[in-house]
Amino acid sequence: MNHDPIDFIDPALAAPLAALRSASADCSAPARVEQALMAAFAQQFARKRWYQRFSLAQWGWAGGLGSAAAAALAVLILRVPGAADAPAPLQLDDGLAFIALASQERIEQETHPRMLEASLQRTELAALGVPVSPETAGDVVRAEMLVGADGSPLALRLTSQ
């Protein structure tokens, strides 16, 4: 049974509603209103690029998870079985290279290490594997040494001053 909404209109309102329908049928929006509305809508709700669709909190979570994964990977790489037997020749600290003079276990076990400034001749660095040219073999180089509590040298870092 199909009921048209017009069937339910009160007969007293039928004539005024018919007059209203015919009067509003002649009304139309001014030219280009739809285009202007669509342009304003597109400007207000512009399509975002893929990286703009994520909130700052979502980027924070992604950065945190990425950092945690990188840290876990670094720990796994440094804890490779058999790598503890051979000490690493260089350890990085604040972007400057340290030359390990003792094993990594010995350096890590030191409870009160201290830093000392020293002046070394370049010929002494040749014994540590640092390349030295014959022209500068007699020059003095400033270095910082990591020394254990018993006075034994643990690591060496060359300084620019």
N, C-alpha and C. Protein backbone atom coordinates (compact mmCIF):
# COMPACT_ATOMS: atom_id res chain seq x y z
N MET A 1 0.83 -1.16 0.00
CA MET A 1 0.00 0.00 0.00
C MET A 1 0.87 1.23 0.00
N ASN A 2 0.84 2.00 -1.07
CA ASN A 2 1.66 3.19 -1.23
C ASN A 2 0.87 4.40 -0.82
N HIS A 3 1.39 5.11 0.19
CA HIS A 3 0.73 6.33 0.66
C HIS A 3 1.58 7.52 0.27
N ASP A 4 1.02 8.42 -0.48
CA ASP A 4 1.69 9.64 -0.84
C ASP A 4 1.57 10.62 0.32
N PRO A 5 2.61 11.38 0.66
CA PRO A 5 2.51 12.32 1.78
C PRO A 5 1.40 13.35 1.58
N ILE A 6 1.04 13.58 0.34
CA ILE A 6 -0.02 14.56 0.10
C ILE A 6 -1.35 14.03 0.60
N ASP A 7 -1.54 12.71 0.64
CA ASP A 7 -2.78 12.11 1.11
C ASP A 7 -3.02 12.42 2.58
N PHE A 8 -1.97 12.67 3.36
CA PHE A 8 -2.12 12.90 4.80
C PHE A 8 -2.24 14.37 5.16
N ILE A 9 -2.25 15.27 4.18
CA ILE A 9 -2.33 16.70 4.46
C ILE A 9 -3.77 17.05 4.82
N ASP A 10 -3.87 17.89 5.80
CA ASP A 10 -5.18 18.39 6.23
C ASP A 10 -5.81 19.15 5.04
N PRO A 11 -7.06 18.87 4.70
CA PRO A 11 -7.68 19.55 3.54
C PRO A 11 -7.69 21.07 3.69
N ALA A 12 -7.66 21.57 4.92
CA ALA A 12 -7.67 23.02 5.11
C ALA A 12 -6.32 23.62 4.71
N LEU A 13 -5.24 22.82 4.78
CA LEU A 13 -3.89 23.31 4.45
C LEU A 13 -3.51 23.01 3.00
N ALA A 14 -4.27 22.26 2.29
CA ALA A 14 -3.91 21.83 0.94
C ALA A 14 -3.78 23.02 0.00
N ALA A 15 -4.72 23.95 0.04
CA ALA A 15 -4.67 25.09 -0.88
C ALA A 15 -3.48 26.00 -0.56
N PRO A 16 -3.24 26.39 0.70
CA PRO A 16 -2.07 27.26 0.98
C PRO A 16 -0.74 26.56 0.63
N LEU A 17 -0.62 25.23 0.86
CA LEU A 17 0.62 24.52 0.53
C LEU A 17 0.82 24.45 -0.97
N ALA A 18 -0.23 24.30 -1.72
CA ALA A 18 -0.11 24.27 -3.18
C ALA A 18 0.35 25.63 -3.70
N ALA A 19 -0.15 26.73 -3.11
CA ALA A 19 0.28 28.07 -3.51
C ALA A 19 1.75 28.28 -3.16
N LEU A 20 2.17 27.78 -2.01
CA LEU A 20 3.57 27.91 -1.58
C LEU A 20 4.50 27.12 -2.51
N ARG A 21 4.06 25.90 -2.92
CA ARG A 21 4.85 25.09 -3.84
C ARG A 21 5.02 25.80 -5.19
N SER A 22 3.98 26.35 -5.70
CA SER A 22 4.08 27.01 -7.01
C SER A 22 4.91 28.29 -6.91
N ALA A 23 4.85 29.02 -5.80
CA ALA A 23 5.64 30.25 -5.66
C ALA A 23 7.12 29.92 -5.48
N SER A 24 7.44 28.85 -4.76
CA SER A 24 8.86 28.51 -4.54
C SER A 24 9.46 27.80 -5.75
N ALA A 25 8.67 27.27 -6.66
CA ALA A 25 9.19 26.60 -7.84
C ALA A 25 9.88 27.61 -8.76
N ASP A 26 9.43 28.85 -8.75
CA ASP A 26 10.04 29.87 -9.60
C ASP A 26 11.31 30.46 -8.98
N CYS A 27 11.51 30.21 -7.68
CA CYS A 27 12.72 30.75 -7.01
C CYS A 27 13.90 29.83 -7.31
N SER A 28 15.02 30.42 -7.63
CA SER A 28 16.24 29.64 -7.83
C SER A 28 17.40 30.45 -7.27
N ALA A 29 18.45 29.77 -6.98
CA ALA A 29 19.63 30.43 -6.42
C ALA A 29 20.29 31.26 -7.52
N PRO A 30 20.97 32.33 -7.14
CA PRO A 30 21.68 33.14 -8.14
C PRO A 30 22.72 32.29 -8.87
N ALA A 31 23.12 32.77 -10.02
CA ALA A 31 24.07 32.04 -10.85
C ALA A 31 25.40 31.84 -10.11
N ARG A 32 25.99 30.68 -10.30
CA ARG A 32 27.30 30.30 -9.76
C ARG A 32 27.34 30.19 -8.24
N VAL A 33 26.20 30.11 -7.58
CA VAL A 33 26.21 29.92 -6.12
C VAL A 33 26.73 28.53 -5.78
N GLU A 34 26.31 27.53 -6.54
CA GLU A 34 26.77 26.18 -6.27
C GLU A 34 28.28 26.08 -6.45
N GLN A 35 28.81 26.71 -7.50
CA GLN A 35 30.25 26.69 -7.72
C GLN A 35 30.99 27.37 -6.56
N ALA A 36 30.46 28.50 -6.11
CA ALA A 36 31.10 29.22 -5.01
C ALA A 36 31.05 28.41 -3.72
N LEU A 37 29.93 27.75 -3.47
CA LEU A 37 29.80 26.92 -2.27
C LEU A 37 30.75 25.73 -2.33
N MET A 38 30.86 25.08 -3.49
CA MET A 38 31.75 23.94 -3.63
C MET A 38 33.22 24.36 -3.48
N ALA A 39 33.57 25.53 -4.02
CA ALA A 39 34.94 26.02 -3.88
C ALA A 39 35.26 26.34 -2.43
N ALA A 40 34.31 26.96 -1.72
CA ALA A 40 34.52 27.28 -0.31
C ALA A 40 34.64 25.99 0.52
N PHE A 41 33.82 25.02 0.20
CA PHE A 41 33.89 23.74 0.90
C PHE A 41 35.23 23.05 0.64
N ALA A 42 35.68 23.06 -0.60
CA ALA A 42 36.96 22.43 -0.94
C ALA A 42 38.12 23.14 -0.25
N GLN A 43 38.02 24.47 -0.11
CA GLN A 43 39.09 25.21 0.56
C GLN A 43 39.10 24.93 2.05
N GLN A 44 37.94 24.86 2.65
CA GLN A 44 37.85 24.63 4.10
C GLN A 44 38.24 23.19 4.45
N PHE A 45 37.87 22.26 3.63
CA PHE A 45 38.16 20.85 3.87
C PHE A 45 39.06 20.31 2.77
N ALA A 46 40.22 20.92 2.63
CA ALA A 46 41.16 20.53 1.57
C ALA A 46 41.66 19.12 1.82
N ARG A 47 41.94 18.41 0.75
CA ARG A 47 42.45 17.05 0.84
C ARG A 47 43.88 17.12 1.38
N LYS A 48 44.14 16.37 2.42
CA LYS A 48 45.45 16.39 3.06
C LYS A 48 46.35 15.34 2.46
N ARG A 49 47.65 15.61 2.52
CA ARG A 49 48.63 14.61 2.10
C ARG A 49 48.67 13.52 3.14
N TRP A 50 49.29 12.39 2.81
CA TRP A 50 49.25 11.23 3.70
C TRP A 50 49.88 11.53 5.05
N TYR A 51 50.94 12.30 5.10
CA TYR A 51 51.60 12.56 6.38
C TYR A 51 50.88 13.63 7.19
N GLN A 52 49.98 14.39 6.58
CA GLN A 52 49.21 15.39 7.31
C GLN A 52 47.97 14.79 7.95
N ARG A 53 47.64 13.58 7.60
CA ARG A 53 46.45 12.94 8.15
C ARG A 53 46.67 12.42 9.56
N PHE A 54 47.93 12.33 9.99
CA PHE A 54 48.24 11.84 11.33
C PHE A 54 48.37 13.00 12.30
N SER A 55 47.89 12.81 13.52
CA SER A 55 47.99 13.84 14.55
C SER A 55 49.39 13.83 15.15
N LEU A 56 49.68 14.86 15.94
CA LEU A 56 50.99 14.92 16.60
C LEU A 56 51.17 13.75 17.56
N ALA A 57 50.10 13.35 18.21
CA ALA A 57 50.20 12.22 19.14
C ALA A 57 50.54 10.93 18.38
N GLN A 58 49.94 10.75 17.21
CA GLN A 58 50.24 9.56 16.42
C GLN A 58 51.69 9.58 15.92
N TRP A 59 52.17 10.76 15.51
CA TRP A 59 53.58 10.86 15.11
C TRP A 59 54.50 10.61 16.30
N GLY A 60 54.09 11.07 17.49
CA GLY A 60 54.89 10.81 18.70
C GLY A 60 55.00 9.33 18.99
N TRP A 61 53.88 8.62 18.88
CA TRP A 61 53.91 7.16 19.10
C TRP A 61 54.80 6.49 18.06
N ALA A 62 54.68 6.91 16.81
CA ALA A 62 55.49 6.30 15.76
C ALA A 62 56.97 6.57 16.00
N GLY A 63 57.31 7.79 16.40
CA GLY A 63 58.71 8.11 16.70
C GLY A 63 59.23 7.33 17.89
N GLY A 64 58.40 7.20 18.93
CA GLY A 64 58.81 6.44 20.10
C GLY A 64 59.03 4.97 19.79
N LEU A 65 58.11 4.39 19.03
CA LEU A 65 58.27 2.99 18.65
C LEU A 65 59.48 2.78 17.74
N GLY A 66 59.70 3.73 16.83
CA GLY A 66 60.86 3.63 15.96
C GLY A 66 62.17 3.75 16.73
N SER A 67 62.20 4.66 17.71
CA SER A 67 63.40 4.81 18.53
C SER A 67 63.65 3.57 19.38
N ALA A 68 62.58 3.01 19.93
CA ALA A 68 62.73 1.80 20.73
C ALA A 68 63.23 0.64 19.86
N ALA A 69 62.72 0.54 18.65
CA ALA A 69 63.19 -0.52 17.75
C ALA A 69 64.65 -0.32 17.38
N ALA A 70 65.05 0.93 17.14
CA ALA A 70 66.46 1.21 16.81
C ALA A 70 67.36 0.89 18.00
N ALA A 71 66.91 1.23 19.21
CA ALA A 71 67.71 0.93 20.40
C ALA A 71 67.83 -0.58 20.60
N ALA A 72 66.73 -1.31 20.41
CA ALA A 72 66.78 -2.76 20.55
C ALA A 72 67.70 -3.38 19.51
N LEU A 73 67.66 -2.85 18.29
CA LEU A 73 68.54 -3.35 17.24
C LEU A 73 70.00 -3.07 17.58
N ALA A 74 70.29 -1.89 18.12
CA ALA A 74 71.65 -1.56 18.50
C ALA A 74 72.15 -2.48 19.61
N VAL A 75 71.29 -2.79 20.57
CA VAL A 75 71.68 -3.70 21.65
C VAL A 75 71.94 -5.09 21.09
N LEU A 76 71.09 -5.53 20.18
CA LEU A 76 71.30 -6.85 19.59
C LEU A 76 72.59 -6.91 18.78
N ILE A 77 72.90 -5.85 18.07
CA ILE A 77 74.13 -5.84 17.27
C ILE A 77 75.35 -5.84 18.17
N LEU A 78 75.30 -5.07 19.26
CA LEU A 78 76.45 -4.98 20.15
C LEU A 78 76.62 -6.22 21.01
N ARG A 79 75.58 -7.01 21.18
CA ARG A 79 75.63 -8.20 22.03
C ARG A 79 75.77 -9.48 21.22
N VAL A 80 76.43 -9.41 20.08
CA VAL A 80 76.62 -10.58 19.23
C VAL A 80 77.56 -11.55 19.94
N PRO A 81 77.22 -12.84 20.00
CA PRO A 81 78.12 -13.80 20.65
C PRO A 81 79.48 -13.82 19.98
N GLY A 82 80.52 -13.87 20.78
CA GLY A 82 81.88 -13.89 20.27
C GLY A 82 82.47 -12.51 20.12
N ALA A 83 81.65 -11.46 20.11
CA ALA A 83 82.17 -10.11 19.98
C ALA A 83 82.81 -9.64 21.27
N ALA A 84 82.47 -10.26 22.39
CA ALA A 84 83.04 -9.85 23.67
C ALA A 84 84.49 -10.29 23.79
N ASP A 85 84.91 -11.30 23.00
CA ASP A 85 86.28 -11.78 23.07
C ASP A 85 87.27 -10.76 22.53
N ALA A 86 86.91 -10.05 21.46
CA ALA A 86 87.81 -9.08 20.86
C ALA A 86 87.34 -7.68 21.20
N PRO A 87 88.17 -6.87 21.87
CA PRO A 87 87.75 -5.52 22.21
C PRO A 87 87.65 -4.65 20.96
N ALA A 88 86.69 -3.75 20.98
CA ALA A 88 86.52 -2.85 19.85
C ALA A 88 87.65 -1.82 19.88
N PRO A 89 88.32 -1.57 18.75
CA PRO A 89 89.44 -0.64 18.76
C PRO A 89 89.01 0.81 18.97
N LEU A 90 87.80 1.18 18.53
CA LEU A 90 87.35 2.55 18.67
C LEU A 90 85.99 2.58 19.35
N GLN A 91 85.84 3.49 20.30
CA GLN A 91 84.55 3.73 20.94
C GLN A 91 84.23 5.20 20.73
N LEU A 92 83.00 5.52 20.34
CA LEU A 92 82.62 6.90 20.09
C LEU A 92 82.03 7.52 21.33
N ASP A 93 82.47 8.75 21.61
CA ASP A 93 81.95 9.48 22.76
C ASP A 93 81.82 10.94 22.34
N ASP A 94 80.59 11.46 22.30
CA ASP A 94 80.32 12.84 21.90
C ASP A 94 80.87 13.15 20.51
N GLY A 95 80.88 12.19 19.64
CA GLY A 95 81.33 12.41 18.29
C GLY A 95 82.83 12.32 18.11
N LEU A 96 83.61 12.21 19.18
CA LEU A 96 85.06 12.08 19.08
C LEU A 96 85.44 10.64 19.36
N ALA A 97 86.42 10.13 18.62
CA ALA A 97 86.78 8.72 18.71
C ALA A 97 87.72 8.46 19.88
N PHE A 98 87.42 7.43 20.65
CA PHE A 98 88.31 6.93 21.68
C PHE A 98 89.01 5.70 21.14
N ILE A 99 90.27 5.56 21.45
CA ILE A 99 91.02 4.36 21.11
C ILE A 99 91.10 3.54 22.39
N ALA A 100 90.51 2.35 22.36
CA ALA A 100 90.50 1.50 23.55
C ALA A 100 91.89 0.92 23.77
N LEU A 101 92.42 1.12 24.97
CA LEU A 101 93.72 0.56 25.33
C LEU A 101 93.56 -0.69 26.18
N ALA A 102 92.39 -0.91 26.71
CA ALA A 102 92.06 -2.09 27.51
C ALA A 102 90.81 -2.71 26.92
N SER A 103 90.44 -3.89 27.40
CA SER A 103 89.23 -4.55 26.88
C SER A 103 87.99 -3.78 27.32
N GLN A 104 86.92 -3.99 26.59
CA GLN A 104 85.67 -3.30 26.90
C GLN A 104 85.15 -3.72 28.27
N GLU A 105 85.32 -4.99 28.63
CA GLU A 105 84.88 -5.46 29.95
C GLU A 105 85.65 -4.74 31.06
N ARG A 106 86.94 -4.56 30.85
CA ARG A 106 87.78 -3.88 31.85
C ARG A 106 87.34 -2.43 32.01
N ILE A 107 87.03 -1.77 30.90
CA ILE A 107 86.58 -0.37 30.96
C ILE A 107 85.23 -0.28 31.65
N GLU A 108 84.31 -1.20 31.34
CA GLU A 108 82.98 -1.17 31.94
C GLU A 108 83.01 -1.51 33.42
N GLN A 109 83.97 -2.32 33.87
CA GLN A 109 84.05 -2.73 35.27
C GLN A 109 84.70 -1.66 36.15
N GLU A 110 85.35 -0.68 35.54
CA GLU A 110 86.03 0.36 36.32
C GLU A 110 84.98 1.19 37.06
N THR A 111 85.15 1.30 38.38
CA THR A 111 84.16 2.01 39.20
C THR A 111 84.41 3.51 39.24
N HIS A 112 85.65 3.95 39.24
CA HIS A 112 85.95 5.39 39.33
C HIS A 112 86.98 5.80 38.30
N PRO A 113 86.63 5.79 37.01
CA PRO A 113 87.60 6.24 36.01
C PRO A 113 87.72 7.76 36.04
N ARG A 114 88.83 8.27 35.56
CA ARG A 114 89.01 9.72 35.50
C ARG A 114 89.70 10.07 34.19
N MET A 115 89.50 11.33 33.77
CA MET A 115 90.09 11.83 32.53
C MET A 115 91.31 12.67 32.87
N LEU A 116 92.41 12.44 32.15
CA LEU A 116 93.64 13.20 32.31
C LEU A 116 94.05 13.73 30.95
N GLU A 117 94.58 14.96 30.94
CA GLU A 117 95.12 15.51 29.71
C GLU A 117 96.58 15.12 29.61
N ALA A 118 97.03 14.84 28.39
CA ALA A 118 98.41 14.41 28.19
C ALA A 118 98.92 14.97 26.87
N SER A 119 100.23 15.04 26.75
CA SER A 119 100.89 15.42 25.50
C SER A 119 101.71 14.23 25.04
N LEU A 120 101.45 13.78 23.82
CA LEU A 120 102.13 12.62 23.27
C LEU A 120 102.83 13.00 21.98
N GLN A 121 103.95 12.34 21.71
CA GLN A 121 104.59 12.52 20.41
C GLN A 121 103.87 11.63 19.40
N ARG A 122 103.85 12.07 18.18
CA ARG A 122 103.15 11.32 17.13
C ARG A 122 103.75 9.92 16.95
N THR A 123 105.01 9.75 17.22
CA THR A 123 105.62 8.42 17.08
C THR A 123 105.01 7.43 18.07
N GLU A 124 104.57 7.92 19.24
CA GLU A 124 103.93 7.04 20.22
C GLU A 124 102.55 6.59 19.71
N LEU A 125 101.91 7.40 18.87
CA LEU A 125 100.60 7.04 18.32
C LEU A 125 100.72 5.96 17.26
N ALA A 126 101.89 5.86 16.63
CA ALA A 126 102.08 4.83 15.61
C ALA A 126 101.94 3.44 16.21
N ALA A 127 102.34 3.28 17.47
CA ALA A 127 102.21 1.98 18.13
C ALA A 127 100.74 1.60 18.34
N LEU A 128 99.86 2.60 18.36
CA LEU A 128 98.42 2.34 18.53
C LEU A 128 97.70 2.16 17.20
N GLY A 129 98.45 2.26 16.10
CA GLY A 129 97.83 2.07 14.79
C GLY A 129 97.39 3.35 14.13
N VAL A 130 97.73 4.51 14.69
CA VAL A 130 97.38 5.79 14.08
C VAL A 130 98.43 6.09 13.02
N PRO A 131 98.02 6.41 11.79
CA PRO A 131 99.01 6.71 10.75
C PRO A 131 99.78 7.99 11.07
N VAL A 132 101.10 7.94 10.90
CA VAL A 132 101.96 9.09 11.19
C VAL A 132 102.87 9.30 9.98
N SER A 133 102.93 10.53 9.51
CA SER A 133 103.83 10.83 8.39
C SER A 133 105.21 11.17 8.94
N PRO A 134 106.26 10.90 8.20
CA PRO A 134 107.61 11.19 8.68
C PRO A 134 107.86 12.68 8.92
N GLU A 135 107.15 13.56 8.18
CA GLU A 135 107.34 15.00 8.35
C GLU A 135 106.86 15.48 9.71
N THR A 136 105.83 14.83 10.25
CA THR A 136 105.26 15.29 11.52
C THR A 136 105.52 14.32 12.66
N ALA A 137 106.46 13.41 12.51
CA ALA A 137 106.70 12.38 13.52
C ALA A 137 107.17 12.96 14.84
N GLY A 138 107.88 14.08 14.82
CA GLY A 138 108.38 14.66 16.06
C GLY A 138 107.42 15.63 16.73
N ASP A 139 106.27 15.92 16.11
CA ASP A 139 105.31 16.86 16.69
C ASP A 139 104.64 16.27 17.93
N VAL A 140 104.17 17.19 18.77
CA VAL A 140 103.47 16.79 19.99
C VAL A 140 101.97 16.95 19.75
N VAL A 141 101.21 15.97 20.21
CA VAL A 141 99.76 15.95 20.06
C VAL A 141 99.13 15.95 21.45
N ARG A 142 98.07 16.76 21.61
CA ARG A 142 97.34 16.76 22.89
C ARG A 142 96.31 15.65 22.87
N ALA A 143 96.16 15.00 24.00
CA ALA A 143 95.22 13.87 24.09
C ALA A 143 94.58 13.86 25.47
N GLU A 144 93.46 13.19 25.55
CA GLU A 144 92.79 12.94 26.83
C GLU A 144 92.84 11.44 27.05
N MET A 145 93.18 11.05 28.27
CA MET A 145 93.27 9.62 28.58
C MET A 145 92.26 9.29 29.67
N LEU A 146 91.57 8.19 29.48
CA LEU A 146 90.70 7.64 30.49
C LEU A 146 91.55 6.68 31.31
N VAL A 147 91.68 6.99 32.61
CA VAL A 147 92.58 6.23 33.47
C VAL A 147 91.75 5.59 34.57
N GLY A 148 92.10 4.34 34.91
CA GLY A 148 91.41 3.64 35.98
C GLY A 148 91.87 4.13 37.35
N ALA A 149 91.22 3.63 38.41
CA ALA A 149 91.55 4.03 39.77
C ALA A 149 92.98 3.63 40.14
N ASP A 150 93.49 2.57 39.53
CA ASP A 150 94.85 2.12 39.83
C ASP A 150 95.90 2.82 38.97
N GLY A 151 95.48 3.75 38.09
CA GLY A 151 96.40 4.50 37.26
C GLY A 151 96.67 3.89 35.90
N SER A 152 96.06 2.75 35.61
CA SER A 152 96.30 2.11 34.31
C SER A 152 95.45 2.80 33.23
N PRO A 153 96.04 3.04 32.05
CA PRO A 153 95.29 3.70 30.97
C PRO A 153 94.24 2.75 30.38
N LEU A 154 93.04 3.29 30.17
CA LEU A 154 91.93 2.50 29.62
C LEU A 154 91.62 2.87 28.17
N ALA A 155 91.64 4.19 27.88
CA ALA A 155 91.32 4.64 26.54
C ALA A 155 92.00 5.98 26.28
N LEU A 156 92.12 6.31 25.01
CA LEU A 156 92.82 7.53 24.58
C LEU A 156 91.97 8.23 23.55
N ARG A 157 91.88 9.57 23.67
CA ARG A 157 91.16 10.38 22.68
C ARG A 157 92.03 11.55 22.30
N LEU A 158 92.23 11.74 21.00
CA LEU A 158 93.02 12.86 20.52
C LEU A 158 92.16 14.11 20.49
N THR A 159 92.72 15.23 20.94
CA THR A 159 91.96 16.48 20.94
C THR A 159 92.56 17.43 19.92
N SER A 160 91.78 18.40 19.53
CA SER A 160 92.24 19.32 18.49
C SER A 160 93.06 20.46 19.06
N GLN A 161 93.05 20.66 20.34
CA GLN A 161 93.79 21.79 20.91
C GLN A 161 95.16 21.37 21.34
